[in-house]
Amino acid sequence: MLNLRDSSAGSCAACGLLLLSAQLDGADAAVYETGAVRILESLYKNYGAWEEKEEGLLLHGTSNYPQGTNIDVPLIYGDYYFVEGLARLKGLNTLCWE
């Protein structure tokens, strides 16, 4: 069995969950925010290149599995959405394109 991973998809999903959370109130918002926090914590603990000599923040990104390219590598957009997710959790909700 293959152990396929894509940290960039996780970071994108976490940001999406935070955007959804911002549109809701109370318990509904908390469900999405809790999911985002869990994903971001996992990315930090399990995929961070903190002790590695890599050109990215997150390890194990995948951009094109069917073509067999950019598998298990840092990806700039994964790093971007990871940082955006952390910024949103810190209350920075206005980002460069908004």
PDB file of N, CA and C in Angstrom:
ATOM      1  N   MET A   1       0.843  -1.188   0.000  1.00  0.00           N
ATOM      2  CA  MET A   1       0.000   0.000   0.000  1.00  0.00           C
ATOM      3  C   MET A   1       0.881   1.241   0.000  1.00  0.00           C
ATOM      4  N   LEU A   2       0.551   2.204  -0.855  1.00  0.00           N
ATOM      5  CA  LEU A   2       1.288   3.451  -0.931  1.00  0.00           C
ATOM      6  C   LEU A   2       0.919   4.373   0.213  1.00  0.00           C
ATOM      7  N   ASN A   3       1.889   5.101   0.686  1.00  0.00           N
ATOM      8  CA  ASN A   3       1.653   6.105   1.712  1.00  0.00           C
ATOM      9  C   ASN A   3       1.718   7.474   1.037  1.00  0.00           C
ATOM     10  N   LEU A   4       0.623   7.884   0.415  1.00  0.00           N
ATOM     11  CA  LEU A   4       0.585   9.142  -0.304  1.00  0.00           C
ATOM     12  C   LEU A   4       0.311  10.289   0.660  1.00  0.00           C
ATOM     13  N   ARG A   5       1.089  11.351   0.506  1.00  0.00           N
ATOM     14  CA  ARG A   5       0.921  12.524   1.350  1.00  0.00           C
ATOM     15  C   ARG A   5       0.937  13.766   0.474  1.00  0.00           C
ATOM     16  N   ASP A   6       0.263  14.802   0.949  1.00  0.00           N
ATOM     17  CA  ASP A   6       0.320  16.087   0.271  1.00  0.00           C
ATOM     18  C   ASP A   6       0.088  17.188   1.291  1.00  0.00           C
ATOM     19  N   SER A   7       1.183  17.679   1.849  1.00  0.00           N
ATOM     20  CA  SER A   7       1.082  18.729   2.856  1.00  0.00           C
ATOM     21  C   SER A   7       0.478  20.005   2.278  1.00  0.00           C
ATOM     22  N   SER A   8       0.691  20.266   0.990  1.00  0.00           N
ATOM     23  CA  SER A   8       0.122  21.475   0.386  1.00  0.00           C
ATOM     24  C   SER A   8      -1.403  21.410   0.357  1.00  0.00           C
ATOM     25  N   ALA A   9      -1.961  20.251   0.087  1.00  0.00           N
ATOM     26  CA  ALA A   9      -3.422  20.105   0.120  1.00  0.00           C
ATOM     27  C   ALA A   9      -3.950  20.336   1.530  1.00  0.00           C
ATOM     28  N   GLY A  10      -3.225  19.856   2.505  1.00  0.00           N
ATOM     29  CA  GLY A  10      -3.637  20.069   3.894  1.00  0.00           C
ATOM     30  C   GLY A  10      -3.635  21.539   4.267  1.00  0.00           C
ATOM     31  N   SER A  11      -2.608  22.263   3.854  1.00  0.00           N
ATOM     32  CA  SER A  11      -2.548  23.681   4.202  1.00  0.00           C
ATOM     33  C   SER A  11      -3.642  24.469   3.482  1.00  0.00           C
ATOM     34  N   CYS A  12      -3.920  24.127   2.231  1.00  0.00           N
ATOM     35  CA  CYS A  12      -5.021  24.777   1.489  1.00  0.00           C
ATOM     36  C   CYS A  12      -6.362  24.486   2.161  1.00  0.00           C
ATOM     37  N   ALA A  13      -6.562  23.247   2.561  1.00  0.00           N
ATOM     38  CA  ALA A  13      -7.815  22.860   3.221  1.00  0.00           C
ATOM     39  C   ALA A  13      -7.988  23.602   4.538  1.00  0.00           C
ATOM     40  N   ALA A  14      -6.913  23.741   5.302  1.00  0.00           N
ATOM     41  CA  ALA A  14      -6.993  24.449   6.579  1.00  0.00           C
ATOM     42  C   ALA A  14      -7.425  25.897   6.368  1.00  0.00           C
ATOM     43  N   CYS A  15      -6.879  26.552   5.352  1.00  0.00           N
ATOM     44  CA  CYS A  15      -7.281  27.935   5.068  1.00  0.00           C
ATOM     45  C   CYS A  15      -8.743  28.001   4.654  1.00  0.00           C
ATOM     46  N   GLY A  16      -9.181  27.069   3.864  1.00  0.00           N
ATOM     47  CA  GLY A  16     -10.582  27.035   3.474  1.00  0.00           C
ATOM     48  C   GLY A  16     -11.500  26.864   4.670  1.00  0.00           C
ATOM     49  N   LEU A  17     -11.112  26.010   5.591  1.00  0.00           N
ATOM     50  CA  LEU A  17     -11.917  25.813   6.800  1.00  0.00           C
ATOM     51  C   LEU A  17     -11.977  27.088   7.634  1.00  0.00           C
ATOM     52  N   LEU A  18     -10.862  27.820   7.695  1.00  0.00           N
ATOM     53  CA  LEU A  18     -10.863  29.083   8.443  1.00  0.00           C
ATOM     54  C   LEU A  18     -11.748  30.125   7.763  1.00  0.00           C
ATOM     55  N   LEU A  19     -11.747  30.152   6.430  1.00  0.00           N
ATOM     56  CA  LEU A  19     -12.636  31.070   5.712  1.00  0.00           C
ATOM     57  C   LEU A  19     -14.099  30.722   5.966  1.00  0.00           C
ATOM     58  N   LEU A  20     -14.422  29.435   5.958  1.00  0.00           N
ATOM     59  CA  LEU A  20     -15.793  29.014   6.268  1.00  0.00           C
ATOM     60  C   LEU A  20     -16.165  29.384   7.690  1.00  0.00           C
ATOM     61  N   SER A  21     -15.247  29.161   8.611  1.00  0.00           N
ATOM     62  CA  SER A  21     -15.492  29.478  10.020  1.00  0.00           C
ATOM     63  C   SER A  21     -15.828  30.952  10.213  1.00  0.00           C
ATOM     64  N   ALA A  22     -15.155  31.814   9.445  1.00  0.00           N
ATOM     65  CA  ALA A  22     -15.381  33.259   9.581  1.00  0.00           C
ATOM     66  C   ALA A  22     -16.773  33.676   9.115  1.00  0.00           C
ATOM     67  N   GLN A  23     -17.451  32.830   8.353  1.00  0.00           N
ATOM     68  CA  GLN A  23     -18.787  33.151   7.845  1.00  0.00           C
ATOM     69  C   GLN A  23     -19.902  32.644   8.760  1.00  0.00           C
ATOM     70  N   LEU A  24     -19.522  31.931   9.814  1.00  0.00           N
ATOM     71  CA  LEU A  24     -20.508  31.309  10.697  1.00  0.00           C
ATOM     72  C   LEU A  24     -20.387  31.843  12.116  1.00  0.00           C
ATOM     73  N   ASP A  25     -21.304  31.432  12.957  1.00  0.00           N
ATOM     74  CA  ASP A  25     -21.294  31.840  14.357  1.00  0.00           C
ATOM     75  C   ASP A  25     -21.312  30.617  15.269  1.00  0.00           C
ATOM     76  N   GLY A  26     -20.856  30.817  16.471  1.00  0.00           N
ATOM     77  CA  GLY A  26     -20.989  29.828  17.532  1.00  0.00           C
ATOM     78  C   GLY A  26     -20.401  28.474  17.244  1.00  0.00           C
ATOM     79  N   ALA A  27     -21.197  27.440  17.557  1.00  0.00           N
ATOM     80  CA  ALA A  27     -20.735  26.062  17.446  1.00  0.00           C
ATOM     81  C   ALA A  27     -20.418  25.685  16.007  1.00  0.00           C
ATOM     82  N   ASP A  28     -21.162  26.229  15.058  1.00  0.00           N
ATOM     83  CA  ASP A  28     -20.893  25.928  13.654  1.00  0.00           C
ATOM     84  C   ASP A  28     -19.507  26.431  13.255  1.00  0.00           C
ATOM     85  N   ALA A  29     -19.184  27.640  13.648  1.00  0.00           N
ATOM     86  CA  ALA A  29     -17.869  28.207  13.351  1.00  0.00           C
ATOM     87  C   ALA A  29     -16.770  27.399  14.036  1.00  0.00           C
ATOM     88  N   ALA A  30     -17.025  26.983  15.254  1.00  0.00           N
ATOM     89  CA  ALA A  30     -16.019  26.245  16.025  1.00  0.00           C
ATOM     90  C   ALA A  30     -15.655  24.915  15.384  1.00  0.00           C
ATOM     91  N   VAL A  31     -16.627  24.265  14.752  1.00  0.00           N
ATOM     92  CA  VAL A  31     -16.361  22.988  14.091  1.00  0.00           C
ATOM     93  C   VAL A  31     -15.305  23.168  13.004  1.00  0.00           C
ATOM     94  N   TYR A  32     -15.486  24.184  12.172  1.00  0.00           N
ATOM     95  CA  TYR A  32     -14.539  24.428  11.080  1.00  0.00           C
ATOM     96  C   TYR A  32     -13.189  24.913  11.604  1.00  0.00           C
ATOM     97  N   GLU A  33     -13.214  25.796  12.579  1.00  0.00           N
ATOM     98  CA  GLU A  33     -11.950  26.305  13.126  1.00  0.00           C
ATOM     99  C   GLU A  33     -11.165  25.193  13.815  1.00  0.00           C
ATOM    100  N   THR A  34     -11.849  24.336  14.540  1.00  0.00           N
ATOM    101  CA  THR A  34     -11.179  23.215  15.207  1.00  0.00           C
ATOM    102  C   THR A  34     -10.511  22.299  14.187  1.00  0.00           C
ATOM    103  N   GLY A  35     -11.198  22.024  13.102  1.00  0.00           N
ATOM    104  CA  GLY A  35     -10.605  21.210  12.044  1.00  0.00           C
ATOM    105  C   GLY A  35      -9.367  21.852  11.458  1.00  0.00           C
ATOM    106  N   ALA A  36      -9.429  23.159  11.213  1.00  0.00           N
ATOM    107  CA  ALA A  36      -8.278  23.882  10.670  1.00  0.00           C
ATOM    108  C   ALA A  36      -7.096  23.853  11.632  1.00  0.00           C
ATOM    109  N   VAL A  37      -7.375  24.061  12.899  1.00  0.00           N
ATOM    110  CA  VAL A  37      -6.303  24.049  13.900  1.00  0.00           C
ATOM    111  C   VAL A  37      -5.642  22.673  13.961  1.00  0.00           C
ATOM    112  N   ARG A  38      -6.433  21.633  13.912  1.00  0.00           N
ATOM    113  CA  ARG A  38      -5.879  20.273  13.950  1.00  0.00           C
ATOM    114  C   ARG A  38      -4.979  20.003  12.740  1.00  0.00           C
ATOM    115  N   ILE A  39      -5.406  20.449  11.568  1.00  0.00           N
ATOM    116  CA  ILE A  39      -4.592  20.258  10.368  1.00  0.00           C
ATOM    117  C   ILE A  39      -3.287  21.051  10.485  1.00  0.00           C
ATOM    118  N   LEU A  40      -3.381  22.320  10.878  1.00  0.00           N
ATOM    119  CA  LEU A  40      -2.179  23.150  10.983  1.00  0.00           C
ATOM    120  C   LEU A  40      -1.215  22.618  12.043  1.00  0.00           C
ATOM    121  N   GLU A  41      -1.751  22.130  13.149  1.00  0.00           N
ATOM    122  CA  GLU A  41      -0.890  21.518  14.177  1.00  0.00           C
ATOM    123  C   GLU A  41      -0.180  20.288  13.630  1.00  0.00           C
ATOM    124  N   SER A  42      -0.901  19.459  12.897  1.00  0.00           N
ATOM    125  CA  SER A  42      -0.295  18.270  12.311  1.00  0.00           C
ATOM    126  C   SER A  42       0.787  18.642  11.301  1.00  0.00           C
ATOM    127  N   LEU A  43       0.500  19.643  10.480  1.00  0.00           N
ATOM    128  CA  LEU A  43       1.507  20.092   9.516  1.00  0.00           C
ATOM    129  C   LEU A  43       2.760  20.568  10.234  1.00  0.00           C
ATOM    130  N   TYR A  44       2.573  21.341  11.296  1.00  0.00           N
ATOM    131  CA  TYR A  44       3.718  21.857  12.050  1.00  0.00           C
ATOM    132  C   TYR A  44       4.522  20.713  12.688  1.00  0.00           C
ATOM    133  N   LYS A  45       3.828  19.816  13.338  1.00  0.00           N
ATOM    134  CA  LYS A  45       4.502  18.739  14.075  1.00  0.00           C
ATOM    135  C   LYS A  45       5.082  17.652  13.170  1.00  0.00           C
ATOM    136  N   ASN A  46       4.382  17.307  12.104  1.00  0.00           N
ATOM    137  CA  ASN A  46       4.760  16.138  11.317  1.00  0.00           C
ATOM    138  C   ASN A  46       5.379  16.437   9.959  1.00  0.00           C
ATOM    139  N   TYR A  47       5.215  17.655   9.461  1.00  0.00           N
ATOM    140  CA  TYR A  47       5.665  17.958   8.104  1.00  0.00           C
ATOM    141  C   TYR A  47       6.607  19.149   8.024  1.00  0.00           C
ATOM    142  N   GLY A  48       6.866  19.799   9.140  1.00  0.00           N
ATOM    143  CA  GLY A  48       7.740  20.962   9.135  1.00  0.00           C
ATOM    144  C   GLY A  48       9.185  20.592   8.835  1.00  0.00           C
ATOM    145  N   ALA A  49       9.822  21.410   8.042  1.00  0.00           N
ATOM    146  CA  ALA A  49      11.234  21.196   7.673  1.00  0.00           C
ATOM    147  C   ALA A  49      12.136  21.994   8.614  1.00  0.00           C
ATOM    148  N   TRP A  50      11.808  21.992   9.894  1.00  0.00           N
ATOM    149  CA  TRP A  50      12.492  22.860  10.854  1.00  0.00           C
ATOM    150  C   TRP A  50      13.942  22.456  11.039  1.00  0.00           C
ATOM    151  N   GLU A  51      14.242  21.198  10.946  1.00  0.00           N
ATOM    152  CA  GLU A  51      15.619  20.726  11.139  1.00  0.00           C
ATOM    153  C   GLU A  51      16.257  20.272   9.827  1.00  0.00           C
ATOM    154  N   GLU A  52      15.567  20.450   8.726  1.00  0.00           N
ATOM    155  CA  GLU A  52      16.031  19.986   7.415  1.00  0.00           C
ATOM    156  C   GLU A  52      16.661  21.138   6.641  1.00  0.00           C
ATOM    157  N   LYS A  53      17.486  20.798   5.696  1.00  0.00           N
ATOM    158  CA  LYS A  53      18.028  21.801   4.777  1.00  0.00           C
ATOM    159  C   LYS A  53      17.233  21.707   3.485  1.00  0.00           C
ATOM    160  N   GLU A  54      16.043  22.288   3.515  1.00  0.00           N
ATOM    161  CA  GLU A  54      15.131  22.270   2.379  1.00  0.00           C
ATOM    162  C   GLU A  54      14.849  23.703   1.958  1.00  0.00           C
ATOM    163  N   GLU A  55      14.270  23.859   0.799  1.00  0.00           N
ATOM    164  CA  GLU A  55      13.912  25.182   0.307  1.00  0.00           C
ATOM    165  C   GLU A  55      12.433  25.465   0.531  1.00  0.00           C
ATOM    166  N   GLY A  56      11.895  24.961   1.605  1.00  0.00           N
ATOM    167  CA  GLY A  56      10.501  25.198   1.929  1.00  0.00           C
ATOM    168  C   GLY A  56      10.260  24.975   3.402  1.00  0.00           C
ATOM    169  N   LEU A  57       9.081  25.365   3.850  1.00  0.00           N
ATOM    170  CA  LEU A  57       8.705  25.178   5.248  1.00  0.00           C
ATOM    171  C   LEU A  57       8.141  23.792   5.511  1.00  0.00           C
ATOM    172  N   LEU A  58       7.350  23.299   4.555  1.00  0.00           N
ATOM    173  CA  LEU A  58       6.679  22.006   4.733  1.00  0.00           C
ATOM    174  C   LEU A  58       7.258  20.957   3.797  1.00  0.00           C
ATOM    175  N   LEU A  59       7.475  19.783   4.340  1.00  0.00           N
ATOM    176  CA  LEU A  59       7.921  18.644   3.540  1.00  0.00           C
ATOM    177  C   LEU A  59       6.704  17.892   3.003  1.00  0.00           C
ATOM    178  N   HIS A  60       6.922  16.993   2.092  1.00  0.00           N
ATOM    179  CA  HIS A  60       5.923  16.023   1.624  1.00  0.00           C
ATOM    180  C   HIS A  60       4.755  16.619   0.836  1.00  0.00           C
ATOM    181  N   GLY A  61       5.032  17.608   0.010  1.00  0.00           N
ATOM    182  CA  GLY A  61       4.016  18.130  -0.892  1.00  0.00           C
ATOM    183  C   GLY A  61       3.986  17.304  -2.173  1.00  0.00           C
ATOM    184  N   THR A  62       2.867  17.319  -2.851  1.00  0.00           N
ATOM    185  CA  THR A  62       2.721  16.618  -4.127  1.00  0.00           C
ATOM    186  C   THR A  62       1.929  17.513  -5.063  1.00  0.00           C
ATOM    187  N   SER A  63       2.497  17.775  -6.260  1.00  0.00           N
ATOM    188  CA  SER A  63       1.769  18.641  -7.186  1.00  0.00           C
ATOM    189  C   SER A  63       1.142  17.887  -8.355  1.00  0.00           C
ATOM    190  N   ASN A  64       1.743  16.785  -8.803  1.00  0.00           N
ATOM    191  CA  ASN A  64       1.176  16.076  -9.947  1.00  0.00           C
ATOM    192  C   ASN A  64       1.476  14.586  -9.836  1.00  0.00           C
ATOM    193  N   TYR A  65       0.704  13.920  -9.023  1.00  0.00           N
ATOM    194  CA  TYR A  65       0.917  12.489  -8.825  1.00  0.00           C
ATOM    195  C   TYR A  65       0.707  11.678 -10.106  1.00  0.00           C
ATOM    196  N   PRO A  66      -0.356  11.930 -10.883  1.00  0.00           N
ATOM    197  CA  PRO A  66      -0.555  11.120 -12.100  1.00  0.00           C
ATOM    198  C   PRO A  66       0.631  11.183 -13.073  1.00  0.00           C
ATOM    199  N   GLN A  67       1.271  12.326 -13.164  1.00  0.00           N
ATOM    200  CA  GLN A  67       2.417  12.469 -14.062  1.00  0.00           C
ATOM    201  C   GLN A  67       3.733  12.078 -13.392  1.00  0.00           C
ATOM    202  N   GLY A  68       3.693  11.852 -12.086  1.00  0.00           N
ATOM    203  CA  GLY A  68       4.890  11.449 -11.365  1.00  0.00           C
ATOM    204  C   GLY A  68       5.890  12.575 -11.166  1.00  0.00           C
ATOM    205  N   THR A  69       5.400  13.814 -11.103  1.00  0.00           N
ATOM    206  CA  THR A  69       6.306  14.952 -10.905  1.00  0.00           C
ATOM    207  C   THR A  69       5.996  15.661  -9.597  1.00  0.00           C
ATOM    208  N   ASN A  70       7.037  16.209  -9.014  1.00  0.00           N
ATOM    209  CA  ASN A  70       6.931  16.956  -7.760  1.00  0.00           C
ATOM    210  C   ASN A  70       6.186  16.174  -6.690  1.00  0.00           C
ATOM    211  N   ILE A  71       6.705  15.011  -6.395  1.00  0.00           N
ATOM    212  CA  ILE A  71       6.133  14.150  -5.368  1.00  0.00           C
ATOM    213  C   ILE A  71       7.063  14.139  -4.166  1.00  0.00           C
ATOM    214  N   ASP A  72       6.499  14.360  -2.995  1.00  0.00           N
ATOM    215  CA  ASP A  72       7.244  14.336  -1.738  1.00  0.00           C
ATOM    216  C   ASP A  72       8.312  15.432  -1.689  1.00  0.00           C
ATOM    217  N   VAL A  73       7.902  16.647  -2.039  1.00  0.00           N
ATOM    218  CA  VAL A  73       8.811  17.797  -2.056  1.00  0.00           C
ATOM    219  C   VAL A  73       8.135  18.992  -1.386  1.00  0.00           C
ATOM    220  N   PRO A  74       8.922  19.983  -0.956  1.00  0.00           N
ATOM    221  CA  PRO A  74       8.317  21.232  -0.503  1.00  0.00           C
ATOM    222  C   PRO A  74       7.711  21.970  -1.704  1.00  0.00           C
ATOM    223  N   LEU A  75       6.561  22.596  -1.507  1.00  0.00           N
ATOM    224  CA  LEU A  75       5.900  23.361  -2.568  1.00  0.00           C
ATOM    225  C   LEU A  75       5.583  24.756  -2.046  1.00  0.00           C
ATOM    226  N   ILE A  76       5.872  25.765  -2.846  1.00  0.00           N
ATOM    227  CA  ILE A  76       5.722  27.143  -2.395  1.00  0.00           C
ATOM    228  C   ILE A  76       4.284  27.473  -1.995  1.00  0.00           C
ATOM    229  N   TYR A  77       3.313  26.932  -2.715  1.00  0.00           N
ATOM    230  CA  TYR A  77       1.927  27.254  -2.362  1.00  0.00           C
ATOM    231  C   TYR A  77       1.503  26.541  -1.088  1.00  0.00           C
ATOM    232  N   GLY A  78       2.085  25.390  -0.799  1.00  0.00           N
ATOM    233  CA  GLY A  78       1.818  24.745   0.485  1.00  0.00           C
ATOM    234  C   GLY A  78       2.342  25.594   1.625  1.00  0.00           C
ATOM    235  N   ASP A  79       3.552  26.123   1.443  1.00  0.00           N
ATOM    236  CA  ASP A  79       4.134  27.016   2.452  1.00  0.00           C
ATOM    237  C   ASP A  79       3.279  28.268   2.626  1.00  0.00           C
ATOM    238  N   TYR A  80       2.845  28.845   1.494  1.00  0.00           N
ATOM    239  CA  TYR A  80       2.044  30.060   1.559  1.00  0.00           C
ATOM    240  C   TYR A  80       0.773  29.832   2.379  1.00  0.00           C
ATOM    241  N   TYR A  81       0.006  28.797   2.054  1.00  0.00           N
ATOM    242  CA  TYR A  81      -1.251  28.574   2.759  1.00  0.00           C
ATOM    243  C   TYR A  81      -1.038  28.154   4.208  1.00  0.00           C
ATOM    244  N   PHE A  82       0.077  27.526   4.500  1.00  0.00           N
ATOM    245  CA  PHE A  82       0.414  27.215   5.890  1.00  0.00           C
ATOM    246  C   PHE A  82       0.582  28.518   6.675  1.00  0.00           C
ATOM    247  N   VAL A  83       1.357  29.450   6.126  1.00  0.00           N
ATOM    248  CA  VAL A  83       1.582  30.733   6.798  1.00  0.00           C
ATOM    249  C   VAL A  83       0.290  31.541   6.852  1.00  0.00           C
ATOM    250  N   GLU A  84      -0.502  31.512   5.785  1.00  0.00           N
ATOM    251  CA  GLU A  84      -1.778  32.231   5.807  1.00  0.00           C
ATOM    252  C   GLU A  84      -2.682  31.674   6.896  1.00  0.00           C
ATOM    253  N   GLY A  85      -2.741  30.369   7.027  1.00  0.00           N
ATOM    254  CA  GLY A  85      -3.557  29.764   8.072  1.00  0.00           C
ATOM    255  C   GLY A  85      -3.123  30.200   9.458  1.00  0.00           C
ATOM    256  N   LEU A  86      -1.819  30.215   9.697  1.00  0.00           N
ATOM    257  CA  LEU A  86      -1.313  30.678  10.992  1.00  0.00           C
ATOM    258  C   LEU A  86      -1.656  32.149  11.215  1.00  0.00           C
ATOM    259  N   ALA A  87      -1.521  32.960  10.164  1.00  0.00           N
ATOM    260  CA  ALA A  87      -1.846  34.384  10.278  1.00  0.00           C
ATOM    261  C   ALA A  87      -3.327  34.573  10.605  1.00  0.00           C
ATOM    262  N   ARG A  88      -4.193  33.803   9.959  1.00  0.00           N
ATOM    263  CA  ARG A  88      -5.624  33.920  10.236  1.00  0.00           C
ATOM    264  C   ARG A  88      -5.934  33.523  11.681  1.00  0.00           C
ATOM    265  N   LEU A  89      -5.254  32.504  12.190  1.00  0.00           N
ATOM    266  CA  LEU A  89      -5.472  32.106  13.579  1.00  0.00           C
ATOM    267  C   LEU A  89      -5.021  33.191  14.555  1.00  0.00           C
ATOM    268  N   LYS A  90      -4.041  33.985  14.145  1.00  0.00           N
ATOM    269  CA  LYS A  90      -3.552  35.084  14.990  1.00  0.00           C
ATOM    270  C   LYS A  90      -4.411  36.341  14.833  1.00  0.00           C
ATOM    271  N   GLY A  91      -5.467  36.264  13.988  1.00  0.00           N
ATOM    272  CA  GLY A  91      -6.374  37.385  13.834  1.00  0.00           C
ATOM    273  C   GLY A  91      -6.102  38.281  12.638  1.00  0.00           C
ATOM    274  N   LEU A  92      -5.124  37.948  11.818  1.00  0.00           N
ATOM    275  CA  LEU A  92      -4.821  38.736  10.621  1.00  0.00           C
ATOM    276  C   LEU A  92      -5.719  38.244   9.495  1.00  0.00           C
ATOM    277  N   ASN A  93      -6.862  38.880   9.333  1.00  0.00           N
ATOM    278  CA  ASN A  93      -7.859  38.401   8.369  1.00  0.00           C
ATOM    279  C   ASN A  93      -7.857  39.158   7.045  1.00  0.00           C
ATOM    280  N   THR A  94      -7.121  40.237   6.949  1.00  0.00           N
ATOM    281  CA  THR A  94      -6.998  40.947   5.676  1.00  0.00           C
ATOM    282  C   THR A  94      -5.634  40.636   5.104  1.00  0.00           C
ATOM    283  N   LEU A  95      -5.640  39.936   3.994  1.00  0.00           N
ATOM    284  CA  LEU A  95      -4.383  39.510   3.377  1.00  0.00           C
ATOM    285  C   LEU A  95      -4.209  40.211   2.041  1.00  0.00           C
ATOM    286  N   CYS A  96      -3.099  39.984   1.404  1.00  0.00           N
ATOM    287  CA  CYS A  96      -2.667  40.805   0.272  1.00  0.00           C
ATOM    288  C   CYS A  96      -3.673  40.920  -0.860  1.00  0.00           C
ATOM    289  N   TRP A  97      -4.464  39.921  -1.162  1.00  0.00           N
ATOM    290  CA  TRP A  97      -5.368  40.023  -2.312  1.00  0.00           C
ATOM    291  C   TRP A  97      -6.778  40.450  -1.929  1.00  0.00           C
ATOM    292  N   GLU A  98      -7.022  40.632  -0.674  1.00  0.00           N
ATOM    293  CA  GLU A  98      -8.383  40.982  -0.228  1.00  0.00           C
ATOM    294  C   GLU A  98      -8.570  42.476  -0.144  1.00  0.00           C
TER     295      GLU A  98
END
